[in-house]
Amino acid sequence: MAKIEVIGQPSGQDVQEFIAWALTQDAAQNPLNDPTGERAARNQGRYRVWFIPGTTTHKDKITRTCAVPSNREILILAATSDSSYLEHKDAKNDGQLLEIARAVAKLHRDVEIRIRDEAGNEEKTFGVRDANNPQEGELKLIEEPAFPMVIPVNNIYRQLYGVGGGYTHLAVVALGIKVKLKDGKYRLIMKAHHDGTSQPLKVDNLEVDAPRFNLDLEYQLSAIPEEEETAYPFNKYPE
């Protein structure tokens, strides 16, 4: 019996919920800023799917250890690109926010998600060599038009891009997959990169900076029943 069940490509709602989960948490406790994986379950209980946190650190390889609920849909995104009025104050409308997110997302190269059952020989690999030109069987861009949200002042983009907090609209484009895991231990590899642009991108006469990006993230996952008490409890994080 397969231990890794492929659900398929995420929906726009999945991606919207992930980015809302990531951006509405304070940077000091944010799972994306976590070097070890101990905060991976923070604020997860309110959503339909379980999120694998990405990272805002794009220099060195990061290795994390955490638990995930078995037999529940798990969202894995190897690359996301979002755009809001807080970051792009000159954007003229919600449609242009989506165009910006799409233009940056298409820069991504060598996107890979690889998950292996450590107790057996089962392994699944998903990816795309060039996000601007996906081939048959490769990951496709998932787009979610701009939606309203409130971002805290101490958000994860503040130091990186100077993004302030407040009410905004935000569009997001992503590359990823959804799976379910049977009880057991797994190794998850997530990789992606783009070299950025020497000159700002032009999106309908608006100049957009696209700094270099590199993702090299490895997880040691324990898939366990949600009701089980473990060293990585699901229910002791603030909701």
Protein backbone atom coordinates (compact mmCIF):
# COMPACT_ATOMS: atom_id res chain seq x y z
CA MET A 1 0.00 0.00 0.00
CA ALA A 2 1.35 3.41 -0.98
CA LYS A 3 2.34 5.62 1.95
CA ILE A 4 2.51 8.81 -0.15
CA GLU A 5 -0.84 9.68 -1.73
CA VAL A 6 -0.72 12.43 -4.35
CA ILE A 7 -3.81 14.63 -4.10
CA GLY A 8 -2.83 16.90 -7.00
CA GLN A 9 -2.22 20.53 -7.73
CA PRO A 10 -3.36 22.94 -5.00
CA SER A 11 -6.26 25.28 -5.57
CA GLY A 12 -6.10 29.06 -5.46
CA GLN A 13 -7.88 28.92 -2.11
CA ASP A 14 -5.17 26.63 -0.73
CA VAL A 15 -2.51 29.12 -1.76
CA GLN A 16 -4.52 32.05 -0.37
CA GLU A 17 -4.88 30.33 2.99
CA PHE A 18 -1.16 29.51 3.09
CA ILE A 19 -0.02 33.08 2.41
CA ALA A 20 -2.56 34.46 4.90
CA TRP A 21 -1.26 32.01 7.52
CA ALA A 22 2.34 33.00 6.80
CA LEU A 23 1.99 36.77 6.54
CA THR A 24 -0.39 37.41 9.43
CA GLN A 25 1.98 35.92 12.03
CA ASP A 26 4.52 38.09 13.83
CA ALA A 27 8.05 37.73 12.46
CA ALA A 28 9.51 36.84 15.84
CA GLN A 29 7.43 33.64 16.08
CA ASN A 30 6.79 33.02 12.41
CA PRO A 31 7.22 29.40 11.22
CA LEU A 32 8.95 30.66 8.05
CA ASN A 33 11.71 32.20 10.20
CA ASP A 34 12.16 29.02 12.25
CA PRO A 35 15.60 27.36 11.87
CA THR A 36 14.64 24.03 13.51
CA GLY A 37 10.98 23.27 12.73
CA GLU A 38 9.71 23.59 16.30
CA ARG A 39 7.18 26.28 15.28
CA ALA A 40 5.88 24.44 12.21
CA ALA A 41 2.48 23.71 13.78
CA ARG A 42 1.86 27.26 14.97
CA ASN A 43 -1.70 28.44 14.16
CA GLN A 44 -2.35 25.49 11.84
CA GLY A 45 -5.59 24.22 13.36
CA ARG A 46 -7.97 26.67 11.72
CA TYR A 47 -7.26 25.63 8.10
CA ARG A 48 -8.55 22.81 5.88
CA VAL A 49 -5.06 21.66 4.92
CA TRP A 50 -1.72 21.42 6.76
CA PHE A 51 1.04 23.75 5.58
CA ILE A 52 4.73 22.93 5.25
CA PRO A 53 6.47 26.23 6.08
CA GLY A 54 8.86 27.66 3.52
CA THR A 55 11.54 30.15 4.50
CA THR A 56 12.54 33.78 4.11
CA THR A 57 16.26 32.88 4.36
CA HIS A 58 17.66 32.17 0.91
CA LYS A 59 21.41 31.81 1.46
CA ASP A 60 22.26 28.54 3.19
CA LYS A 61 20.60 25.15 3.39
CA ILE A 62 18.05 24.82 6.21
CA THR A 63 17.17 21.50 7.85
CA ARG A 64 14.07 21.19 10.03
CA THR A 65 12.40 18.41 12.01
CA CYS A 66 8.69 18.41 12.74
CA ALA A 67 5.52 16.36 12.89
CA VAL A 68 2.60 16.51 10.49
CA PRO A 69 -0.84 14.90 10.78
CA SER A 70 -1.12 11.62 8.90
CA ASN A 71 -4.03 11.04 6.50
CA ARG A 72 -4.68 14.75 6.11
CA GLU A 73 -4.05 16.93 3.05
CA ILE A 74 -0.63 18.58 3.26
CA LEU A 75 0.28 21.58 1.13
CA ILE A 76 3.89 21.85 -0.05
CA LEU A 77 4.90 25.02 -1.92
CA ALA A 78 8.44 25.27 -3.26
CA ALA A 79 7.98 28.79 -4.60
CA THR A 80 5.54 31.63 -3.95
CA SER A 81 5.37 35.16 -5.27
CA ASP A 82 2.98 37.67 -3.74
CA SER A 83 2.24 41.31 -4.41
CA SER A 84 0.36 43.85 -2.31
CA TYR A 85 -0.29 47.60 -2.19
CA LEU A 86 1.85 47.76 0.95
CA GLU A 87 4.84 46.66 -1.15
CA HIS A 88 3.86 48.19 -4.51
CA LYS A 89 2.28 51.49 -3.60
CA ASP A 90 2.08 52.60 -7.24
CA ALA A 91 0.14 49.56 -8.44
CA LYS A 92 -2.98 50.87 -10.13
CA ASN A 93 -5.42 48.04 -9.36
CA ASP A 94 -5.83 44.46 -8.15
CA GLY A 95 -5.24 43.10 -11.64
CA GLN A 96 -1.81 44.68 -11.75
CA LEU A 97 -0.97 43.12 -8.39
CA LEU A 98 -1.59 39.70 -9.93
CA GLU A 99 0.49 40.62 -12.99
CA ILE A 100 3.41 41.54 -10.71
CA ALA A 101 3.19 38.29 -8.75
CA ARG A 102 2.95 36.31 -12.00
CA ALA A 103 5.97 38.05 -13.58
CA VAL A 104 8.20 37.28 -10.58
CA ALA A 105 6.91 33.69 -10.28
CA LYS A 106 7.84 33.01 -13.90
CA LEU A 107 11.51 33.71 -13.09
CA HIS A 108 11.79 30.52 -11.02
CA ARG A 109 13.99 27.70 -12.29
CA ASP A 110 14.77 24.12 -11.21
CA VAL A 111 11.85 23.90 -8.81
CA GLU A 112 11.82 20.53 -7.05
CA ILE A 113 9.73 18.85 -4.36
CA ARG A 114 10.97 15.36 -3.45
CA ILE A 115 9.45 13.28 -0.66
CA ARG A 116 10.65 9.82 0.37
CA ASP A 117 9.27 7.23 2.76
CA GLU A 118 12.26 6.52 5.02
CA ALA A 119 11.03 3.01 5.89
CA GLY A 120 10.62 1.87 2.30
CA ASN A 121 11.58 2.64 -1.25
CA GLU A 122 8.67 4.89 -2.18
CA GLU A 123 9.61 8.32 -3.47
CA LYS A 124 7.66 11.03 -5.30
CA THR A 125 9.23 13.92 -7.17
CA PHE A 126 7.50 17.01 -8.56
CA GLY A 127 8.99 20.04 -10.24
CA VAL A 128 9.45 22.31 -13.20
CA ARG A 129 12.67 23.26 -14.94
CA ASP A 130 11.45 26.65 -16.15
CA ALA A 131 8.32 28.16 -14.57
CA ASN A 132 7.86 30.41 -17.61
CA ASN A 133 7.69 27.39 -19.92
CA PRO A 134 6.35 24.31 -18.06
CA GLN A 135 6.38 21.01 -19.90
CA GLU A 136 3.86 18.17 -19.83
CA GLY A 137 3.79 16.58 -16.38
CA GLU A 138 5.58 19.46 -14.67
CA LEU A 139 4.19 21.77 -12.00
CA LYS A 140 2.06 24.66 -13.26
CA LEU A 141 1.63 28.11 -11.75
CA ILE A 142 -1.30 28.44 -9.35
CA GLU A 143 -2.76 31.95 -9.32
CA GLU A 144 -4.98 33.60 -6.74
CA PRO A 145 -6.28 37.12 -7.55
CA ALA A 146 -5.88 39.88 -4.99
CA PHE A 147 -7.87 39.48 -1.79
CA PRO A 148 -8.11 41.65 1.36
CA MET A 149 -5.96 40.97 4.40
CA VAL A 150 -4.34 42.73 7.36
CA ILE A 151 -0.58 42.30 7.77
CA PRO A 152 1.02 42.99 11.19
CA VAL A 153 3.61 45.72 11.58
CA ASN A 154 6.32 43.22 12.51
CA ASN A 155 5.78 41.03 9.46
CA ILE A 156 8.31 38.71 7.80
CA TYR A 157 8.78 41.07 4.83
CA ARG A 158 9.57 44.16 6.87
CA GLN A 159 13.35 43.68 7.02
CA LEU A 160 13.59 42.03 3.61
CA TYR A 161 11.57 44.46 1.52
CA GLY A 162 10.53 47.30 3.83
CA VAL A 163 6.88 46.22 3.81
CA GLY A 164 4.86 47.95 6.52
CA GLY A 165 1.79 46.61 8.24
CA GLY A 166 -1.85 47.40 7.74
CA TYR A 167 -4.88 46.63 5.61
CA THR A 168 -4.14 45.77 1.98
CA HIS A 169 -5.04 43.63 -1.00
CA LEU A 170 -2.59 40.88 -1.94
CA ALA A 171 -2.27 38.58 -4.97
CA VAL A 172 -0.21 35.38 -4.94
CA VAL A 173 1.20 32.92 -7.49
CA ALA A 174 2.80 29.64 -6.41
CA LEU A 175 4.24 26.29 -7.46
CA GLY A 176 3.48 23.24 -5.37
CA ILE A 177 1.59 20.02 -4.69
CA LYS A 178 -0.79 18.44 -2.16
CA VAL A 179 -0.23 15.00 -0.65
CA LYS A 180 -1.40 12.76 2.18
CA LEU A 181 1.04 10.66 4.23
CA LYS A 182 0.44 7.43 6.10
CA ASP A 183 1.96 7.08 9.58
CA GLY A 184 5.74 7.01 9.36
CA LYS A 185 8.89 9.01 8.79
CA TYR A 186 9.68 10.93 5.62
CA ARG A 187 12.40 13.06 4.11
CA LEU A 188 11.21 16.12 2.19
CA ILE A 189 13.48 18.16 -0.08
CA MET A 190 12.37 21.54 -1.45
CA LYS A 191 14.49 23.47 -3.95
CA ALA A 192 14.02 26.44 -6.27
CA HIS A 193 15.97 29.44 -7.48
CA HIS A 194 16.13 32.39 -9.78
CA ASP A 195 19.01 34.76 -10.43
CA GLY A 196 16.93 37.90 -10.14
CA THR A 197 17.14 40.70 -12.66
CA SER A 198 19.88 43.29 -13.14
CA GLN A 199 17.22 45.82 -14.06
CA PRO A 200 13.73 46.15 -12.53
CA LEU A 201 10.99 44.15 -14.23
CA LYS A 202 8.55 46.23 -16.23
CA VAL A 203 4.94 45.31 -15.50
CA ASP A 204 2.62 47.55 -17.45
CA ASN A 205 5.03 50.51 -17.06
CA LEU A 206 5.55 49.83 -13.35
CA GLU A 207 9.11 48.96 -12.31
CA VAL A 208 9.36 45.96 -9.94
CA ASP A 209 12.52 44.80 -8.18
CA ALA A 210 13.12 41.03 -8.34
CA PRO A 211 16.08 40.16 -6.08
CA ARG A 212 17.90 36.84 -6.37
CA PHE A 213 16.12 33.88 -4.77
CA ASN A 214 17.41 30.49 -3.64
CA LEU A 215 15.58 27.78 -1.71
CA ASP A 216 17.38 24.76 -0.24
CA LEU A 217 15.17 23.31 2.48
CA GLU A 218 15.09 19.81 3.96
CA TYR A 219 12.55 18.36 6.39
CA GLN A 220 12.62 15.24 8.52
CA LEU A 221 8.90 14.60 8.92
CA SER A 222 7.04 12.33 11.32
CA ALA A 223 3.49 11.69 10.12
CA ILE A 224 1.33 10.85 13.14
CA PRO A 225 -2.39 10.70 14.02
CA GLU A 226 -3.63 14.15 15.04
CA GLU A 227 -4.92 12.96 18.43
CA GLU A 228 -1.63 11.35 19.41
CA GLU A 229 0.46 13.03 22.13
CA THR A 230 4.04 13.42 20.93
CA ALA A 231 7.08 15.60 21.37
CA TYR A 232 5.58 17.83 18.68
CA PRO A 233 2.02 18.46 19.97
CA PHE A 234 -0.46 19.91 17.49
CA ASN A 235 -2.77 21.54 20.01
CA LYS A 236 -0.49 23.68 22.16
CA TYR A 237 -0.04 26.53 19.69
CA PRO A 238 -2.11 29.73 19.82
CA GLU A 239 -5.13 29.90 17.58
